[in-house]
Amino acid sequence: MKSAEGRNISIDPGRHAASVHSILSCNDCHTAIKDYPHPAKVARVQCLTCHAEQAASVPKSIHGVLGDDACQSCHGDAHEVNGSGQIAPAKCGQCHAPEVKEFRESIHGTAATSGDPDAPKCVSCHGPVHQIQPANDAASPVAKKNLPDTCAVCHSSPGFLSRHKIPFAHPIELYRQSVHGRAVANGNETAASCSDCHGIFPGRDSRSKINHWNVAAICGQCHGEIGKVYLESVHGQAMKAGASDAPVCSDCHGEHLILGPKEAASLVNAARVSTITCGRCHNDERLTSRYNLPTDRIPSYADSYHGLAMREGSQTVANCASCHGVHNIFPASDPRSAVNASNLSKTCGACHAGAGEHFAIGPVHVQTATGPAHPVVKSIRWLYWILIPLTLGFMIVHNLLDLLAKLIRRGQRRETGGQVSRMNRNFRIAHWGVMVSFPVLVLTGFALKYPEKWWARPLLFWEGHFAFRGAVHRAAAIILIVSTIYHIIHLVVRRRDRLFLKAMLPQSKDIADLIQVFAYNLGFTRIEPRFAKFNYAEKVEYWAFIWGTVVMTVSGFLLWFNNFTLGHFPKWVSDAATAVHYYEALLATFSILLWHFYMVIFDPVVYPMDTSWLTGRGPADHYRHTRPEYFRTLEQAHLVGPPAAEAGVEESCARPEAHRPSDDPEGEPPTDAKPRAPAKK
């Protein structure tokens, strides 16, 4: 090659022309050379003359150890200086051959080879070439703490994710919120960062760390003991046998957003593990069919005592992992399984102190449709499935006919507006207790069964910290029981109140009265039914209330004191109590709405309301026409005055005391009631 003065110099002209220094003359760099021939010893060219900023950075970088050869090591001889785009990874490979080989095989390297403009180069991750720091330096972009930010340059870009069809939205942001991301951010050098889990290959590549078959092994590098237990479990064995659907670590814990079990959003949080995590597979019809798994495990758990409490927000109730294990899940037939019959006492005893052998008897999952439910539980369900629609259907037909008949005949009688004594103070006190407690029991009880409903949510607001719903339900139950006991006591103690019980006893005439009512309301007869003190409708309701209170009290206490129940009785007793409590509650609730409310509110005779529960008095005209014998007894006891028209005076002139029912707190005629002499004028 010739210099500008025409002298021959030992420089390859082709290489010099291809270098970035081709535009420079010799003296632009060799400023100290003035004479020809040159001195025997030529001064070293200082790159910092032009590249001061880069020259100042290199000594502070990891490449500063190269000293004066640092520039040439990467850029080559000064006469053949390569452009920065030609350096990596070829030049890097001169020193970092294994890393460059690995890069070329990686998903990033293959993208670069294919010409993908988004493909990263060495400097994309390691930082500006003149400022590269060792990976263990806190300032390095590939330091564990900084790696999420480095990867985020590409992997947090919606456009990048879309162009490359990466099926994860915001992976870096989710990682930062995870237990791993927070630990790394707090300086934990042993916590997993991006490269610890992802490696260099695509997820579908069998060599990838995050390939389905490799996940357990890669997680096991940090969680060694857990990994060993998992591989022995039913899930681990299925995975090793080649079941592509068998869950691995990331299927249960998540991928980027791995949270601690106590965090509400965690997939393995107590409130979510059963319905979301385990349910994703065990409620999947395709998977249960493919692997011959029971199809009703999730709904049957959700309807169980544990499931209902979990649905209302309880954080302490047993979930799938509480009974089956977490990583150590084995088939129930395996002696190592927590749900093996020989281990149930220990498993259940973790929550139910004193659990005995009875825990091994009967299924834990409630069988709502099919399955191995105990015959007693099945019989109870079938009984109520028949009883409830028949009972409610009868009530609807009976009340509709009665309502229509009374509306048609309305106005055929003259109403006097008089009243008779119906409920004395004792009955009203007991009724008040029932009236207050019953709706509370209904609302708080069905809130357990249907916690997702809008009307249940206010009751469950505190469930994560305090069992508010359960406390209110039990308090209302105590009020109902106390009211019933009070009712029984005053029936036993007070002679006149015992007459009430005698009058409430069923008689054969009640059946005849029922038939007569249907015939009258359907128009088959014009003879209006006549009743005794209490008609069949009132008797049915009263004895149904007594029966329902006993049934609900017994079943309720069995469920309330479940540790005692499960410790002393077979499991099916608890299941039977649950079924009875639920179905009896349904029957009682709809009976009140259809039967009781009709009699005390919507019956045209008492509409808009029978005020007996407030004043102890009812409409005299109703009893005069439908219960004449009882009404005459009241008249003889001076508990009701004659109608104004029959008294021979105008209603406005009738003596008030002749029309006012007695204020006798007993409210009932004595058994030896006889006609009394009229009051003196």
Foldseek 3Di string as FASTA:
>chain_A
DAAPVGHDDPDDLVLLCQAPCVVPGPCVFQVVFDDPPGDPDGDDGDPCVPVVVLVVLQCVAPLVVVPPCSQCLQQNDPSRGHDPVPRPPVSVCVPVVVVNVQQCPFPLNVCVVVPPPPRDTPCLQQNDPSNGHDLCDPPTCNPQLNVLVSVCVQVQDPVNCVVVVPPDHRLSVLLCQAPLNVCSPVPNNVGDGDCLQFPGYDCCDPPTCNPQLNVLVSVCVPVVVLSVLLCPAPLNVCSVVPDSPRDDDCLQQNDRNGYDLCDPPTSNPQLRVLCPRVCVQQCDPVNCVVVVHDNCQRVLCCQAPLNLLSLLPARPGDGPCLQQNDSNGHPLCDPSGCNPLVNVQVSVCVPQPQFDSLSSFADRRHDDDDDDHDPLQVVLVVVLVVVQVVVLVVLVVLLVLLQVLCVVCPPVDDAQQFKFFADFPLRLQLVVLCVVLLVLLLQLVVCSVVVVDPSSVVQSVCNHPDNRSVVSNVVSLVSNVVSVVSLVVCCVPPVLNVVVVVLLDDDPVLVVLSVVSVCCSVVVDVDAAADAPDHNLVSVVVVLVVVLSVLLVVLVVCQVVVSVNSNPHHPSSVSNSSSSNVSSSVSVVSCCVRRVCCVADVRPLRHNGACCSPQSMGRLVVCVPRHVVQSVLQVLQLQAADRQVVVVHDPVPDDPSRGHGDPPSSSHRDPPRGRDDDDDD
